[in-house]
Protein backbone atom coordinates (compact mmCIF):
# COMPACT_ATOMS: atom_id res chain seq x y z
CA MET A 1 -17.39 -13.90 -20.93
CA THR A 2 -18.47 -13.14 -17.38
CA ILE A 3 -17.10 -14.99 -14.41
CA GLN A 4 -19.54 -14.97 -11.53
CA GLY A 5 -18.38 -14.99 -7.97
CA PRO A 6 -17.30 -15.28 -5.36
CA ASP A 7 -19.64 -18.14 -4.45
CA HIS A 8 -16.78 -20.05 -2.87
CA PRO A 9 -13.04 -19.41 -2.49
CA THR A 10 -12.10 -20.94 -5.84
CA ASP A 11 -13.98 -18.12 -7.59
CA TYR A 12 -11.07 -15.77 -6.90
CA ARG A 13 -8.87 -15.33 -9.93
CA MET A 14 -5.21 -14.58 -10.42
CA VAL A 15 -4.46 -12.13 -13.22
CA LYS A 16 -0.95 -11.69 -14.58
CA LEU A 17 -0.45 -8.42 -16.42
CA THR A 18 2.04 -7.83 -19.22
CA ASP A 19 4.25 -5.79 -16.87
CA GLY A 20 4.60 -8.82 -14.55
CA THR A 21 2.14 -7.64 -11.90
CA LEU A 22 0.17 -10.48 -10.33
CA LEU A 23 -3.29 -9.58 -9.01
CA VAL A 24 -5.86 -11.55 -7.04
CA GLY A 25 -9.55 -10.61 -7.03
CA THR A 26 -12.97 -11.17 -8.51
CA ILE A 27 -13.14 -10.51 -12.23
CA SER A 28 -15.52 -10.07 -15.10
CA THR A 29 -14.65 -9.48 -18.72
CA ASN A 30 -16.18 -8.04 -21.85
CA GLU A 31 -14.87 -7.75 -25.40
CA THR A 32 -12.29 -5.05 -24.63
CA GLU A 33 -11.48 -5.09 -20.93
CA LEU A 34 -11.23 -7.01 -17.73
CA THR A 35 -12.77 -5.59 -14.56
CA ILE A 36 -11.23 -6.69 -11.27
CA GLU A 37 -12.90 -6.05 -7.94
CA ASN A 38 -10.88 -5.61 -4.74
CA PRO A 39 -7.55 -6.36 -6.42
CA LEU A 40 -4.66 -7.24 -4.16
CA GLN A 41 -1.17 -7.53 -5.59
CA LEU A 42 0.72 -10.72 -4.84
CA THR A 43 4.39 -10.09 -4.21
CA THR A 44 6.91 -12.85 -3.59
CA VAL A 45 10.41 -12.30 -2.24
CA GLN A 46 13.11 -14.85 -1.57
CA ARG A 47 14.96 -14.98 1.70
CA LEU A 48 17.78 -17.14 2.93
CA THR A 49 16.99 -19.45 5.84
CA ASP A 50 19.04 -22.04 7.71
CA VAL A 51 17.76 -24.70 5.29
CA GLY A 52 18.12 -22.69 2.08
CA MET A 53 16.06 -20.22 0.09
CA LYS A 54 12.41 -19.68 0.99
CA ASP A 55 9.72 -17.74 -0.87
CA ASP A 56 7.62 -15.33 1.20
CA SER A 57 4.45 -14.06 -0.43
CA SER A 58 2.28 -11.17 0.66
CA LEU A 59 -0.87 -9.46 -0.56
CA ALA A 60 -1.28 -5.68 -0.52
CA PRO A 61 -3.58 -3.17 -2.20
CA TRP A 62 -2.71 -2.91 -5.89
CA ILE A 63 -3.27 0.84 -6.00
CA PRO A 64 -2.97 2.33 -2.52
CA PHE A 65 -4.61 5.56 -1.32
CA THR A 66 -7.85 5.11 -3.23
CA ALA A 67 -11.35 4.15 -2.16
CA ASP A 68 -12.05 2.57 -5.57
CA LYS A 69 -12.99 -1.09 -5.43
CA LYS A 70 -13.19 -1.89 -9.17
CA PHE A 71 -10.60 -1.30 -11.85
CA SER A 72 -10.83 -1.79 -15.60
CA ILE A 73 -7.80 -3.12 -17.44
CA PRO A 74 -7.54 -3.30 -21.25
CA LYS A 75 -7.42 -6.93 -22.36
CA ASP A 76 -4.17 -6.36 -24.26
CA LYS A 77 -2.47 -5.74 -20.86
CA VAL A 78 -3.54 -9.17 -19.54
CA MET A 79 -1.32 -12.20 -20.08
CA VAL A 80 -3.03 -14.93 -18.05
CA ILE A 81 -6.14 -15.47 -15.93
CA SER A 82 -6.36 -18.50 -13.65
CA LEU A 83 -8.21 -19.77 -10.61
CA ALA A 84 -6.53 -18.99 -7.30
CA ALA A 85 -5.50 -21.98 -5.23
CA LYS A 86 -7.73 -22.61 -2.22
CA GLU A 87 -4.94 -21.62 0.19
CA LEU A 88 -4.30 -18.35 -1.65
CA ALA A 89 -8.04 -17.63 -1.79
CA HIS A 90 -8.27 -18.06 1.97
CA TYR A 91 -5.25 -15.78 2.53
CA TYR A 92 -6.83 -13.24 0.14
CA GLU A 93 -10.06 -13.23 2.16
CA VAL A 94 -8.18 -12.75 5.43
CA VAL A 95 -6.12 -9.83 4.10
CA LEU A 96 -9.09 -8.24 2.32
CA ASN A 97 -11.20 -8.48 5.49
CA LYS A 98 -8.46 -6.83 7.54
CA LEU A 99 -8.04 -4.04 4.98
CA GLN A 100 -11.79 -3.39 4.83
CA ASN A 101 -12.07 -3.21 8.62
CA VAL A 102 -9.22 -0.76 9.16
CA LYS A 103 -10.55 2.40 10.71
CA VAL A 104 -9.40 5.36 8.68
CA LYS A 105 -8.55 8.43 10.69
CA PRO A 106 -10.15 11.59 9.35
CA PRO A 107 -7.74 14.10 7.84
CA LEU A 108 -6.37 16.82 10.08
CA THR A 109 -8.35 20.04 10.23
CA GLN A 110 -6.71 23.29 9.14
CA GLU A 111 -6.48 24.34 12.81
CA GLU A 112 -4.70 21.09 13.74
CA MET A 113 -2.25 21.51 10.86
CA ASP A 114 -1.59 25.14 11.82
CA HIS A 115 -0.93 24.09 15.43
CA ILE A 116 1.51 21.37 14.32
CA LEU A 117 3.38 23.85 12.10
CA LYS A 118 3.53 26.38 14.93
CA VAL A 119 4.94 23.81 17.35
CA ALA A 120 7.48 22.69 14.75
CA GLU A 121 8.62 26.28 14.16
CA GLU A 122 8.99 26.83 17.92
CA MET A 123 11.06 23.64 18.18
CA ASP A 124 13.28 24.79 15.29
CA LYS A 125 13.86 28.17 17.00
CA GLU A 126 14.71 26.47 20.30
CA ARG A 127 17.14 24.12 18.54
CA GLU A 128 18.80 27.03 16.73
CA GLN A 129 19.12 28.94 20.03
CA ARG A 130 20.71 25.91 21.76
CA LEU A 131 23.11 25.51 18.83
CA LEU A 132 24.16 29.18 19.08
CA GLU A 133 24.67 28.84 22.83
CA TYR A 134 26.77 25.72 22.25
CA GLU A 135 28.93 27.48 19.62
CA GLU A 136 29.41 30.42 21.95
CA GLU A 137 30.45 28.12 24.79
CA ILE A 138 32.83 26.02 22.68
CA PHE A 139 34.30 28.62 20.34
CA GLY A 140 33.75 31.82 22.29
CA VAL A 141 31.90 33.28 19.29
CA LYS A 142 28.69 35.16 19.94
CA LYS A 143 26.15 35.29 17.13
CA THR A 144 22.89 37.14 17.06
CA LEU A 145 19.67 35.65 15.77
CA HIS A 146 17.73 37.89 13.45
């Protein structure tokens, strides 16, 4: 079975895995696995308000720190597949669009990392020196840094 989409918001599917994870994305299936594209994990937490308990839901990348857009999941790890409600599909599109448009800063160069480490070491030495001066002032004990 192949599910085509997304032609309109109701083509987004919710997938509940056997471990309880709830994913939203575009899916296709074959005999052995489900493939989900741009999966976002739906997390719901309860909070107490003045009028009682309220559920707050949020969407976040299912597997952070990867550039992968498609993931294959064995069918035996899938409990349920259903259409996402129109409101959830809209929220999914908004979050996905924001995530895709985030500008990723390039990693630090070796020179930048070396400079940061050098500055941190200098700060540690200055802190240690101030601590020794403080101990000498308070306790009258003079220590020597090696």
